[in-house]
Every structure is written in structure tokens, then in C-alpha cells.
Amino acid sequence: MTSIDFVAIEVADTAAAGHFYTSAFGLGDEVRVRTSQADTSGFRGFTLSLVVSQPANVNALVEAAVEAGATVVKPPAKSLWGYGAVVQAPDGTVWQVASSSKKDTGPASRKVDEIVLLLGVENMKASKEFYVGRGLEVGKSFGSKYTEFATGEGTVKLALYKRRGLAKLAGVSPEGSGSHRIVIGADAGPFEDPDGFVWTVAA
């Protein structure tokens, strides 16, 4: 089974970005930063999601992110599927923080249960076939709207979403150009997918 070991967010200032992610989310090796001056504007075509067990944990992570310099795109709120919020890191990366639970079952914490990388794609069928051809196994699929791949425990989960739909879900404009500013590290690389997302061999 192909697994994503890490995602590397490309930033202009690695020290500042590293401090933000440690302070806000307490993330480990699954999310890294590396230097890039590549031109980018608007929506970068992806979001990263932190999945947690309860609403109090969503609030705790959002509060920590704002204190560390993030901007709230969507404030924490209940929805049909649970409870969540969207923030934008100082480096421009859009983060969703979500729980499928609408009720708290314990004290608030900043424990992250799962990290999900959602890639916005133009052609769901073509992108799904591309990834299946590189060893990823489909876990869930909902027609042309959403595909989720099966990955091992303790790794970053990958899902595909229609680009405009993903931007709408995140509460941002779908317009954007230039570099995605992200590199995906896995045992399936190296390659570039149909939407220009770059994969490298995880070291």
C-alpha cells in the first residue's frame, strides 16, 4: 500500500513557518517546511485538514493558530457533518480543522487524530486513474465529486476533490495561479500529477 510520509510546505521564511506550525498545531515530521521563492497567487489548489475527536479540540487548535498569526477564514461552527473551522496560515496555506462529533466528551486538547491532504483536481476520473496507476488504493469514492485513498496508520491521508468545490468548502475564491507551494513525500514518487502537484521519494 502506498503511503504519504510527509507533506512539505514551501515557504519564503522556513524559521517563521516552522515556529508557526509548532506553536499552532504541534505537528511532527508529517508536515515539514522548505524554502521556495516560486511565484504563487490566490488559491493554491489544496487544503490540509486536521481531524480531531470533538468540538473543544477544534476550538483549541483554532485559538492556538490565531495566537500564532493565522487568519480565520471560517469561524468554528456546527454543520450537517459535524463541527469545524478554516484558518489560513501566515505562509498562505489553508487549513481545515474538523470533528465529526457535535458534542464534547472530555477536556479540550490539541490532539490531532488524522492529517488529510485534499488536492483540488480538474478531472476527477483522470486524476483517480492516475493515482491508482501509481499504487494507491481507493478507499471511498463518490462519483466525480470526491475520492479518498486508503493509507497506512500514522501517515497523511490523501483525498481528491473538484478544485472549485474544494475552494467553496474552504471558503476561499477558486482563482489562483503559479506554484502549489507543496511537495508530497511518499514511496510512490517521484512524479508530477495531472494537476501539477509534485511528489518526491520519501527519505
N, C-alpha and C. Protein backbone atom coordinates (compact mmCIF):
# COMPACT_ATOMS: atom_id res chain seq x y z
N MET A 1 0.84 -1.20 0.00
CA MET A 1 0.00 0.00 0.00
C MET A 1 0.88 1.25 0.00
N THR A 2 0.61 2.16 -0.91
CA THR A 2 1.35 3.41 -0.99
C THR A 2 0.91 4.33 0.14
N SER A 3 1.87 4.92 0.84
CA SER A 3 1.57 5.82 1.95
C SER A 3 2.31 7.13 1.77
N ILE A 4 1.68 8.21 2.23
CA ILE A 4 2.32 9.52 2.24
C ILE A 4 3.01 9.70 3.59
N ASP A 5 4.31 9.84 3.56
CA ASP A 5 5.08 10.00 4.79
C ASP A 5 5.08 11.45 5.28
N PHE A 6 5.06 12.38 4.33
CA PHE A 6 5.06 13.79 4.74
C PHE A 6 4.59 14.68 3.61
N VAL A 7 4.18 15.88 3.98
CA VAL A 7 3.97 16.94 3.01
C VAL A 7 4.91 18.08 3.39
N ALA A 8 5.58 18.64 2.41
CA ALA A 8 6.49 19.76 2.63
C ALA A 8 5.86 21.02 2.06
N ILE A 9 5.57 21.96 2.93
CA ILE A 9 5.00 23.23 2.51
C ILE A 9 6.14 24.18 2.15
N GLU A 10 6.09 24.73 0.98
CA GLU A 10 7.15 25.62 0.52
C GLU A 10 6.84 27.06 0.94
N VAL A 11 7.79 27.66 1.62
CA VAL A 11 7.58 28.98 2.22
C VAL A 11 8.79 29.88 1.96
N ALA A 12 8.57 31.17 2.12
CA ALA A 12 9.68 32.12 1.95
C ALA A 12 10.58 32.14 3.17
N ASP A 13 10.00 31.93 4.36
CA ASP A 13 10.75 32.00 5.61
C ASP A 13 10.51 30.71 6.40
N THR A 14 11.47 29.79 6.34
CA THR A 14 11.28 28.49 6.99
C THR A 14 11.28 28.60 8.51
N ALA A 15 12.05 29.50 9.06
CA ALA A 15 12.09 29.66 10.52
C ALA A 15 10.74 30.11 11.05
N ALA A 16 10.16 31.11 10.41
CA ALA A 16 8.86 31.64 10.85
C ALA A 16 7.76 30.60 10.66
N ALA A 17 7.79 29.90 9.53
CA ALA A 17 6.76 28.88 9.26
C ALA A 17 6.89 27.71 10.22
N GLY A 18 8.13 27.28 10.47
CA GLY A 18 8.35 26.19 11.41
C GLY A 18 7.86 26.53 12.80
N HIS A 19 8.10 27.77 13.21
CA HIS A 19 7.64 28.22 14.52
C HIS A 19 6.11 28.23 14.57
N PHE A 20 5.49 28.69 13.49
CA PHE A 20 4.02 28.72 13.46
C PHE A 20 3.44 27.32 13.63
N TYR A 21 3.92 26.36 12.83
CA TYR A 21 3.32 25.03 12.87
C TYR A 21 3.57 24.31 14.19
N THR A 22 4.70 24.59 14.80
CA THR A 22 4.97 24.00 16.12
C THR A 22 4.08 24.64 17.17
N SER A 23 3.96 25.96 17.13
CA SER A 23 3.17 26.69 18.13
C SER A 23 1.67 26.45 17.97
N ALA A 24 1.21 26.47 16.72
CA ALA A 24 -0.23 26.38 16.47
C ALA A 24 -0.76 24.96 16.57
N PHE A 25 -0.10 24.04 15.89
CA PHE A 25 -0.65 22.70 15.75
C PHE A 25 0.18 21.60 16.40
N GLY A 26 1.42 21.92 16.79
CA GLY A 26 2.27 20.92 17.40
C GLY A 26 2.57 19.74 16.49
N LEU A 27 2.69 20.02 15.19
CA LEU A 27 2.86 18.95 14.21
C LEU A 27 4.29 18.42 14.19
N GLY A 28 4.43 17.13 13.87
CA GLY A 28 5.73 16.49 13.80
C GLY A 28 6.26 16.38 12.39
N ASP A 29 6.88 15.25 12.07
CA ASP A 29 7.53 15.08 10.78
C ASP A 29 6.58 14.96 9.61
N GLU A 30 5.28 14.76 9.88
CA GLU A 30 4.33 14.62 8.76
C GLU A 30 4.18 15.91 7.96
N VAL A 31 4.37 17.03 8.63
CA VAL A 31 4.28 18.33 7.95
C VAL A 31 5.61 19.05 8.12
N ARG A 32 6.26 19.34 7.01
CA ARG A 32 7.55 19.99 7.03
C ARG A 32 7.50 21.28 6.22
N VAL A 33 8.52 22.11 6.36
CA VAL A 33 8.61 23.33 5.57
C VAL A 33 9.95 23.35 4.84
N ARG A 34 9.95 23.95 3.67
CA ARG A 34 11.20 24.11 2.93
C ARG A 34 11.14 25.41 2.14
N THR A 35 12.30 25.94 1.83
CA THR A 35 12.38 27.26 1.21
C THR A 35 11.96 27.24 -0.25
N SER A 36 11.18 28.25 -0.63
CA SER A 36 10.82 28.44 -2.04
C SER A 36 10.47 29.91 -2.26
N GLN A 37 10.89 30.42 -3.39
CA GLN A 37 10.52 31.77 -3.80
C GLN A 37 9.64 31.73 -5.04
N ALA A 38 9.08 30.56 -5.34
CA ALA A 38 8.26 30.40 -6.55
C ALA A 38 7.03 31.30 -6.48
N ASP A 39 6.68 31.88 -7.63
CA ASP A 39 5.51 32.75 -7.69
C ASP A 39 4.24 31.96 -7.43
N THR A 40 3.36 32.53 -6.63
CA THR A 40 2.06 31.92 -6.37
C THR A 40 1.09 33.02 -6.00
N SER A 41 -0.17 32.83 -6.37
CA SER A 41 -1.20 33.81 -6.00
C SER A 41 -2.54 33.11 -5.84
N GLY A 42 -3.34 33.61 -4.92
CA GLY A 42 -4.68 33.08 -4.73
C GLY A 42 -4.69 31.66 -4.19
N PHE A 43 -5.75 30.93 -4.51
CA PHE A 43 -5.92 29.56 -4.03
C PHE A 43 -4.87 28.65 -4.67
N ARG A 44 -4.19 27.87 -3.84
CA ARG A 44 -3.11 27.02 -4.33
C ARG A 44 -3.57 25.63 -4.74
N GLY A 45 -4.88 25.40 -4.69
CA GLY A 45 -5.41 24.14 -5.21
C GLY A 45 -5.43 22.99 -4.22
N PHE A 46 -5.14 23.25 -2.95
CA PHE A 46 -5.18 22.18 -1.95
C PHE A 46 -5.52 22.78 -0.58
N THR A 47 -5.97 21.91 0.31
CA THR A 47 -6.08 22.26 1.72
C THR A 47 -5.51 21.11 2.53
N LEU A 48 -5.11 21.40 3.74
CA LEU A 48 -4.71 20.38 4.70
C LEU A 48 -5.74 20.38 5.82
N SER A 49 -6.16 19.19 6.24
CA SER A 49 -7.17 19.08 7.29
C SER A 49 -6.61 18.38 8.52
N LEU A 50 -6.95 18.92 9.67
CA LEU A 50 -6.65 18.29 10.94
C LEU A 50 -7.95 17.73 11.48
N VAL A 51 -8.03 16.41 11.61
CA VAL A 51 -9.23 15.76 12.11
C VAL A 51 -9.05 15.47 13.59
N VAL A 52 -10.01 15.91 14.40
CA VAL A 52 -9.92 15.74 15.85
C VAL A 52 -11.21 15.10 16.37
N SER A 53 -11.22 14.76 17.66
CA SER A 53 -12.30 13.94 18.20
C SER A 53 -13.53 14.71 18.67
N GLN A 54 -13.38 16.02 18.94
CA GLN A 54 -14.51 16.75 19.50
C GLN A 54 -14.40 18.25 19.20
N PRO A 55 -15.54 18.98 19.31
CA PRO A 55 -15.53 20.42 19.03
C PRO A 55 -14.55 21.22 19.87
N ALA A 56 -14.38 20.85 21.15
CA ALA A 56 -13.46 21.59 22.02
C ALA A 56 -12.04 21.57 21.49
N ASN A 57 -11.67 20.47 20.84
CA ASN A 57 -10.33 20.36 20.27
C ASN A 57 -10.19 21.24 19.03
N VAL A 58 -11.27 21.35 18.27
CA VAL A 58 -11.27 22.28 17.12
C VAL A 58 -11.01 23.69 17.64
N ASN A 59 -11.77 24.09 18.66
CA ASN A 59 -11.62 25.44 19.21
C ASN A 59 -10.21 25.68 19.74
N ALA A 60 -9.65 24.68 20.41
CA ALA A 60 -8.31 24.83 20.98
C ALA A 60 -7.26 25.04 19.89
N LEU A 61 -7.37 24.28 18.81
CA LEU A 61 -6.40 24.40 17.72
C LEU A 61 -6.56 25.72 16.97
N VAL A 62 -7.80 26.14 16.76
CA VAL A 62 -8.04 27.41 16.07
C VAL A 62 -7.52 28.57 16.92
N GLU A 63 -7.78 28.53 18.22
CA GLU A 63 -7.28 29.59 19.11
C GLU A 63 -5.75 29.66 19.09
N ALA A 64 -5.11 28.50 19.13
CA ALA A 64 -3.64 28.46 19.10
C ALA A 64 -3.11 28.99 17.77
N ALA A 65 -3.82 28.64 16.68
CA ALA A 65 -3.38 29.11 15.36
C ALA A 65 -3.50 30.62 15.24
N VAL A 66 -4.59 31.17 15.73
CA VAL A 66 -4.78 32.63 15.68
C VAL A 66 -3.72 33.33 16.53
N GLU A 67 -3.45 32.80 17.70
CA GLU A 67 -2.41 33.38 18.56
C GLU A 67 -1.05 33.36 17.89
N ALA A 68 -0.83 32.34 17.04
CA ALA A 68 0.47 32.21 16.35
C ALA A 68 0.52 33.00 15.05
N GLY A 69 -0.62 33.64 14.67
CA GLY A 69 -0.60 34.51 13.49
C GLY A 69 -1.50 34.11 12.35
N ALA A 70 -2.32 33.06 12.51
CA ALA A 70 -3.23 32.63 11.44
C ALA A 70 -4.42 33.58 11.34
N THR A 71 -5.07 33.54 10.18
CA THR A 71 -6.28 34.32 9.93
C THR A 71 -7.46 33.36 9.85
N VAL A 72 -8.56 33.69 10.50
CA VAL A 72 -9.75 32.85 10.45
C VAL A 72 -10.49 33.10 9.14
N VAL A 73 -10.70 32.04 8.36
CA VAL A 73 -11.46 32.13 7.12
C VAL A 73 -12.92 31.77 7.38
N LYS A 74 -13.13 30.70 8.15
CA LYS A 74 -14.46 30.30 8.60
C LYS A 74 -14.38 30.03 10.10
N PRO A 75 -15.11 30.78 10.92
CA PRO A 75 -15.05 30.55 12.36
C PRO A 75 -15.66 29.20 12.73
N PRO A 76 -15.28 28.63 13.87
CA PRO A 76 -15.81 27.34 14.29
C PRO A 76 -17.34 27.35 14.35
N ALA A 77 -17.94 26.30 13.79
CA ALA A 77 -19.41 26.23 13.75
C ALA A 77 -19.86 24.80 13.50
N LYS A 78 -21.08 24.50 13.90
CA LYS A 78 -21.68 23.20 13.61
C LYS A 78 -22.12 23.16 12.16
N SER A 79 -22.13 21.96 11.59
CA SER A 79 -22.62 21.77 10.24
C SER A 79 -23.35 20.43 10.18
N LEU A 80 -23.81 20.05 9.00
CA LEU A 80 -24.51 18.77 8.84
C LEU A 80 -23.61 17.60 9.21
N TRP A 81 -22.32 17.73 8.93
CA TRP A 81 -21.39 16.61 9.12
C TRP A 81 -20.64 16.64 10.44
N GLY A 82 -20.78 17.73 11.21
CA GLY A 82 -20.04 17.79 12.46
C GLY A 82 -19.77 19.20 12.92
N TYR A 83 -18.50 19.50 13.17
CA TYR A 83 -18.10 20.80 13.70
C TYR A 83 -16.73 21.13 13.13
N GLY A 84 -16.54 22.36 12.67
CA GLY A 84 -15.24 22.67 12.07
C GLY A 84 -15.01 24.15 11.84
N ALA A 85 -13.81 24.44 11.37
CA ALA A 85 -13.39 25.81 11.08
C ALA A 85 -12.32 25.76 10.00
N VAL A 86 -12.03 26.91 9.42
CA VAL A 86 -10.96 27.04 8.43
C VAL A 86 -10.09 28.23 8.80
N VAL A 87 -8.78 28.02 8.80
CA VAL A 87 -7.84 29.11 9.05
C VAL A 87 -6.79 29.12 7.94
N GLN A 88 -6.18 30.28 7.76
CA GLN A 88 -5.09 30.41 6.78
C GLN A 88 -3.81 30.77 7.53
N ALA A 89 -2.79 29.93 7.34
CA ALA A 89 -1.51 30.16 7.99
C ALA A 89 -0.84 31.41 7.42
N PRO A 90 0.10 32.02 8.15
CA PRO A 90 0.80 33.19 7.63
C PRO A 90 1.49 32.94 6.29
N ASP A 91 1.88 31.67 5.99
CA ASP A 91 2.52 31.38 4.71
C ASP A 91 1.52 31.22 3.58
N GLY A 92 0.22 31.28 3.88
CA GLY A 92 -0.82 31.21 2.86
C GLY A 92 -1.53 29.87 2.75
N THR A 93 -1.05 28.83 3.44
CA THR A 93 -1.68 27.52 3.38
C THR A 93 -3.03 27.54 4.09
N VAL A 94 -4.03 26.95 3.45
CA VAL A 94 -5.38 26.88 4.02
C VAL A 94 -5.53 25.57 4.79
N TRP A 95 -5.96 25.68 6.05
CA TRP A 95 -6.13 24.53 6.94
C TRP A 95 -7.57 24.41 7.38
N GLN A 96 -8.12 23.21 7.25
CA GLN A 96 -9.42 22.91 7.83
C GLN A 96 -9.20 22.15 9.14
N VAL A 97 -9.93 22.49 10.16
CA VAL A 97 -9.86 21.79 11.44
C VAL A 97 -11.27 21.27 11.72
N ALA A 98 -11.42 19.97 11.85
CA ALA A 98 -12.77 19.41 11.86
C ALA A 98 -12.92 18.21 12.79
N SER A 99 -14.16 18.03 13.26
CA SER A 99 -14.55 16.87 14.04
C SER A 99 -15.90 16.38 13.53
N SER A 100 -16.08 15.07 13.44
CA SER A 100 -17.37 14.53 13.04
C SER A 100 -18.37 14.57 14.19
N SER A 101 -17.88 14.83 15.41
CA SER A 101 -18.73 14.92 16.59
C SER A 101 -19.22 16.35 16.78
N LYS A 102 -20.45 16.48 17.26
CA LYS A 102 -21.00 17.79 17.56
C LYS A 102 -21.04 18.07 19.06
N LYS A 103 -20.62 17.06 19.87
CA LYS A 103 -20.64 17.21 21.32
C LYS A 103 -19.28 16.85 21.91
N ASP A 104 -18.92 17.56 22.96
CA ASP A 104 -17.66 17.27 23.65
C ASP A 104 -17.84 16.07 24.58
N THR A 105 -16.79 15.26 24.66
CA THR A 105 -16.83 14.08 25.52
C THR A 105 -15.73 14.10 26.57
N GLY A 106 -14.96 15.17 26.61
CA GLY A 106 -13.87 15.26 27.57
C GLY A 106 -13.23 16.63 27.54
N PRO A 107 -12.18 16.82 28.33
CA PRO A 107 -11.48 18.11 28.35
C PRO A 107 -10.88 18.45 26.98
N ALA A 108 -10.78 19.73 26.69
CA ALA A 108 -10.20 20.18 25.42
C ALA A 108 -8.71 19.83 25.36
N SER A 109 -8.27 19.45 24.17
CA SER A 109 -6.85 19.22 23.94
C SER A 109 -6.53 19.60 22.50
N ARG A 110 -5.26 19.60 22.17
CA ARG A 110 -4.85 19.90 20.80
C ARG A 110 -4.38 18.64 20.08
N LYS A 111 -4.89 17.50 20.53
CA LYS A 111 -4.51 16.22 19.93
C LYS A 111 -5.13 16.09 18.54
N VAL A 112 -4.28 15.82 17.55
CA VAL A 112 -4.72 15.62 16.17
C VAL A 112 -4.78 14.12 15.89
N ASP A 113 -5.95 13.65 15.46
CA ASP A 113 -6.11 12.22 15.19
C ASP A 113 -5.68 11.85 13.78
N GLU A 114 -5.84 12.78 12.86
CA GLU A 114 -5.55 12.45 11.46
C GLU A 114 -5.24 13.72 10.68
N ILE A 115 -4.29 13.62 9.76
CA ILE A 115 -3.99 14.72 8.84
C ILE A 115 -4.41 14.28 7.44
N VAL A 116 -5.21 15.11 6.79
CA VAL A 116 -5.70 14.77 5.45
C VAL A 116 -5.27 15.85 4.47
N LEU A 117 -4.66 15.43 3.38
CA LEU A 117 -4.31 16.33 2.28
C LEU A 117 -5.38 16.21 1.21
N LEU A 118 -6.09 17.31 0.95
CA LEU A 118 -7.11 17.32 -0.09
C LEU A 118 -6.59 18.10 -1.29
N LEU A 119 -6.47 17.42 -2.41
CA LEU A 119 -6.00 18.04 -3.64
C LEU A 119 -7.19 18.42 -4.51
N GLY A 120 -7.22 19.65 -4.97
CA GLY A 120 -8.25 20.10 -5.89
C GLY A 120 -7.88 19.72 -7.32
N VAL A 121 -8.74 18.96 -7.98
CA VAL A 121 -8.43 18.46 -9.32
C VAL A 121 -9.46 18.95 -10.33
N GLU A 122 -9.05 19.03 -11.58
CA GLU A 122 -9.96 19.46 -12.64
C GLU A 122 -10.78 18.30 -13.19
N ASN A 123 -10.16 17.13 -13.30
CA ASN A 123 -10.82 15.95 -13.87
C ASN A 123 -10.69 14.80 -12.89
N MET A 124 -11.76 14.53 -12.15
CA MET A 124 -11.71 13.52 -11.10
C MET A 124 -11.37 12.14 -11.65
N LYS A 125 -12.00 11.75 -12.74
CA LYS A 125 -11.78 10.41 -13.30
C LYS A 125 -10.32 10.23 -13.71
N ALA A 126 -9.78 11.21 -14.41
CA ALA A 126 -8.39 11.12 -14.87
C ALA A 126 -7.41 11.11 -13.71
N SER A 127 -7.65 11.94 -12.70
CA SER A 127 -6.75 12.00 -11.54
C SER A 127 -6.82 10.72 -10.73
N LYS A 128 -8.03 10.18 -10.54
CA LYS A 128 -8.17 8.93 -9.79
C LYS A 128 -7.45 7.80 -10.50
N GLU A 129 -7.62 7.70 -11.81
CA GLU A 129 -6.94 6.65 -12.58
C GLU A 129 -5.43 6.82 -12.51
N PHE A 130 -4.98 8.07 -12.54
CA PHE A 130 -3.54 8.35 -12.46
C PHE A 130 -2.97 7.81 -11.16
N TYR A 131 -3.63 8.09 -10.05
CA TYR A 131 -3.11 7.65 -8.75
C TYR A 131 -3.24 6.15 -8.54
N VAL A 132 -4.31 5.57 -9.01
CA VAL A 132 -4.45 4.12 -8.92
C VAL A 132 -3.33 3.45 -9.70
N GLY A 133 -2.95 4.04 -10.82
CA GLY A 133 -1.86 3.52 -11.63
C GLY A 133 -0.51 3.61 -10.96
N ARG A 134 -0.43 4.40 -9.91
CA ARG A 134 0.83 4.53 -9.16
C ARG A 134 0.76 3.86 -7.79
N GLY A 135 -0.18 2.93 -7.65
CA GLY A 135 -0.19 2.08 -6.48
C GLY A 135 -1.10 2.49 -5.34
N LEU A 136 -1.85 3.57 -5.49
CA LEU A 136 -2.76 3.96 -4.41
C LEU A 136 -4.07 3.20 -4.55
N GLU A 137 -4.63 2.81 -3.42
CA GLU A 137 -5.88 2.06 -3.40
C GLU A 137 -7.04 2.97 -2.99
N VAL A 138 -8.12 2.93 -3.77
CA VAL A 138 -9.28 3.75 -3.46
C VAL A 138 -9.99 3.20 -2.22
N GLY A 139 -10.21 4.08 -1.25
CA GLY A 139 -10.93 3.69 -0.05
C GLY A 139 -12.40 4.04 -0.14
N LYS A 140 -12.68 5.28 -0.59
CA LYS A 140 -14.06 5.74 -0.80
C LYS A 140 -14.10 6.57 -2.08
N SER A 141 -15.23 6.50 -2.77
CA SER A 141 -15.37 7.28 -3.99
C SER A 141 -16.83 7.68 -4.18
N PHE A 142 -17.04 8.96 -4.46
CA PHE A 142 -18.39 9.47 -4.69
C PHE A 142 -18.42 10.15 -6.05
N GLY A 143 -18.44 9.33 -7.09
CA GLY A 143 -18.53 9.82 -8.46
C GLY A 143 -17.44 10.80 -8.81
N SER A 144 -17.85 11.92 -9.40
CA SER A 144 -16.89 12.93 -9.86
C SER A 144 -16.60 13.98 -8.79
N LYS A 145 -17.15 13.79 -7.57
CA LYS A 145 -17.01 14.82 -6.55
C LYS A 145 -15.86 14.58 -5.57
N TYR A 146 -15.63 13.30 -5.20
CA TYR A 146 -14.69 13.05 -4.11
C TYR A 146 -14.13 11.64 -4.21
N THR A 147 -12.82 11.52 -3.98
CA THR A 147 -12.16 10.22 -3.90
C THR A 147 -11.21 10.24 -2.72
N GLU A 148 -11.27 9.20 -1.91
CA GLU A 148 -10.37 9.07 -0.75
C GLU A 148 -9.58 7.78 -0.91
N PHE A 149 -8.28 7.86 -0.69
CA PHE A 149 -7.42 6.70 -0.85
C PHE A 149 -7.11 6.07 0.51
N ALA A 150 -6.94 4.76 0.50
CA ALA A 150 -6.59 4.03 1.71
C ALA A 150 -5.09 4.21 1.97
N THR A 151 -4.76 4.55 3.21
CA THR A 151 -3.34 4.72 3.57
C THR A 151 -3.09 4.06 4.92
N GLY A 152 -1.85 3.80 5.21
CA GLY A 152 -1.49 3.15 6.46
C GLY A 152 -1.66 4.07 7.65
N GLU A 153 -1.73 3.48 8.84
CA GLU A 153 -1.86 4.26 10.07
C GLU A 153 -0.62 5.12 10.29
N GLY A 154 -0.86 6.30 10.85
CA GLY A 154 0.26 7.18 11.16
C GLY A 154 0.81 7.93 9.97
N THR A 155 0.12 7.86 8.83
CA THR A 155 0.57 8.58 7.64
C THR A 155 -0.49 9.60 7.24
N VAL A 156 -0.12 10.49 6.34
CA VAL A 156 -1.05 11.51 5.86
C VAL A 156 -2.04 10.86 4.88
N LYS A 157 -3.32 11.11 5.10
CA LYS A 157 -4.34 10.56 4.20
C LYS A 157 -4.49 11.48 2.99
N LEU A 158 -4.75 10.88 1.82
CA LEU A 158 -4.92 11.64 0.59
C LEU A 158 -6.35 11.54 0.10
N ALA A 159 -6.91 12.68 -0.31
CA ALA A 159 -8.23 12.70 -0.92
C ALA A 159 -8.23 13.70 -2.08
N LEU A 160 -9.07 13.43 -3.06
CA LEU A 160 -9.22 14.31 -4.21
C LEU A 160 -10.61 14.95 -4.18
N TYR A 161 -10.65 16.21 -4.54
CA TYR A 161 -11.91 16.97 -4.55
C TYR A 161 -11.89 17.82 -5.81
N LYS A 162 -13.03 18.09 -6.38
CA LYS A 162 -13.05 19.02 -7.51
C LYS A 162 -12.53 20.37 -7.03
N ARG A 163 -11.66 20.98 -7.82
CA ARG A 163 -10.98 22.20 -7.38
C ARG A 163 -11.96 23.29 -6.91
N ARG A 164 -12.96 23.59 -7.72
CA ARG A 164 -13.89 24.66 -7.35
C ARG A 164 -14.69 24.28 -6.10
N GLY A 165 -15.03 23.00 -6.00
CA GLY A 165 -15.76 22.53 -4.82
C GLY A 165 -14.92 22.63 -3.57
N LEU A 166 -13.63 22.34 -3.68
CA LEU A 166 -12.73 22.41 -2.53
C LEU A 166 -12.57 23.86 -2.07
N ALA A 167 -12.45 24.77 -3.02
CA ALA A 167 -12.34 26.19 -2.67
C ALA A 167 -13.61 26.66 -1.96
N LYS A 168 -14.75 26.22 -2.44
CA LYS A 168 -16.02 26.60 -1.82
C LYS A 168 -16.11 26.03 -0.40
N LEU A 169 -15.70 24.78 -0.25
CA LEU A 169 -15.70 24.13 1.07
C LEU A 169 -14.83 24.90 2.05
N ALA A 170 -13.69 25.38 1.56
CA ALA A 170 -12.74 26.11 2.41
C ALA A 170 -13.13 27.56 2.62
N GLY A 171 -14.06 28.06 1.81
CA GLY A 171 -14.49 29.45 1.96
C GLY A 171 -13.57 30.45 1.31
N VAL A 172 -12.86 30.03 0.25
CA VAL A 172 -11.95 30.93 -0.46
C VAL A 172 -12.31 30.97 -1.94
N SER A 173 -11.81 31.97 -2.65
CA SER A 173 -12.02 32.06 -4.08
C SER A 173 -11.24 30.95 -4.79
N PRO A 174 -11.82 30.33 -5.83
CA PRO A 174 -11.11 29.27 -6.54
C PRO A 174 -10.00 29.79 -7.45
N GLU A 175 -9.95 31.10 -7.64
CA GLU A 175 -8.95 31.66 -8.54
C GLU A 175 -7.56 31.58 -7.92
N GLY A 176 -6.60 31.21 -8.74
CA GLY A 176 -5.23 31.13 -8.27
C GLY A 176 -4.31 30.71 -9.40
N SER A 177 -3.05 31.03 -9.27
CA SER A 177 -2.09 30.66 -10.31
C SER A 177 -0.71 30.51 -9.71
N GLY A 178 0.20 29.95 -10.50
CA GLY A 178 1.57 29.77 -10.05
C GLY A 178 1.77 28.48 -9.30
N SER A 179 2.78 28.44 -8.47
CA SER A 179 3.17 27.23 -7.75
C SER A 179 2.12 26.82 -6.72
N HIS A 180 1.94 25.51 -6.57
CA HIS A 180 1.09 24.99 -5.49
C HIS A 180 1.76 25.20 -4.14
N ARG A 181 3.08 25.34 -4.14
CA ARG A 181 3.87 25.52 -2.92
C ARG A 181 3.72 24.32 -1.97
N ILE A 182 3.70 23.11 -2.52
CA ILE A 182 3.67 21.91 -1.69
C ILE A 182 4.33 20.77 -2.45
N VAL A 183 5.07 19.93 -1.71
CA VAL A 183 5.68 18.73 -2.26
C VAL A 183 5.27 17.56 -1.37
N ILE A 184 4.88 16.45 -2.00
CA ILE A 184 4.36 15.30 -1.28
C ILE A 184 5.42 14.21 -1.25
N GLY A 185 5.77 13.75 -0.06
CA GLY A 185 6.80 12.72 0.09
C GLY A 185 6.18 11.36 0.34
N ALA A 186 6.45 10.41 -0.55
CA ALA A 186 5.86 9.07 -0.43
C ALA A 186 6.74 8.04 -1.10
N ASP A 187 6.38 6.77 -0.92
CA ASP A 187 7.14 5.71 -1.58
C ASP A 187 6.70 5.50 -3.02
N ALA A 188 5.77 6.35 -3.51
CA ALA A 188 5.28 6.21 -4.88
C ALA A 188 6.03 7.13 -5.86
N GLY A 189 6.75 8.13 -5.35
CA GLY A 189 7.37 9.13 -6.22
C GLY A 189 8.64 8.63 -6.90
N PRO A 190 9.31 9.53 -7.67
CA PRO A 190 8.91 10.91 -7.93
C PRO A 190 8.06 11.03 -9.20
N PHE A 191 7.13 11.98 -9.20
CA PHE A 191 6.33 12.26 -10.38
C PHE A 191 5.56 13.57 -10.17
N GLU A 192 4.93 14.02 -11.24
CA GLU A 192 4.04 15.18 -11.17
C GLU A 192 2.68 14.74 -11.67
N ASP A 193 1.62 15.04 -10.92
CA ASP A 193 0.30 14.54 -11.30
C ASP A 193 -0.35 15.46 -12.36
N PRO A 194 -1.52 15.10 -12.89
CA PRO A 194 -2.15 15.88 -13.96
C PRO A 194 -2.45 17.34 -13.59
N ASP A 195 -2.54 17.63 -12.30
CA ASP A 195 -2.83 18.99 -11.87
C ASP A 195 -1.58 19.75 -11.40
N GLY A 196 -0.41 19.14 -11.63
CA GLY A 196 0.84 19.81 -11.33
C GLY A 196 1.36 19.64 -9.92
N PHE A 197 0.75 18.76 -9.13
CA PHE A 197 1.26 18.51 -7.79
C PHE A 197 2.48 17.60 -7.87
N VAL A 198 3.54 18.00 -7.17
CA VAL A 198 4.82 17.31 -7.25
C VAL A 198 4.98 16.31 -6.11
N TRP A 199 5.37 15.10 -6.45
CA TRP A 199 5.65 14.05 -5.48
C TRP A 199 7.14 13.72 -5.52
N THR A 200 7.71 13.43 -4.37
CA THR A 200 9.11 13.04 -4.28
C THR A 200 9.22 11.77 -3.47
N VAL A 201 10.35 11.11 -3.56
CA VAL A 201 10.58 9.88 -2.81
C VAL A 201 10.86 10.26 -1.35
N ALA A 202 10.11 9.67 -0.44
CA ALA A 202 10.32 9.94 0.98
C ALA A 202 11.64 9.35 1.43
N ALA A 203 12.45 10.18 2.07
CA ALA A 203 13.75 9.72 2.56
C ALA A 203 13.61 9.25 3.99
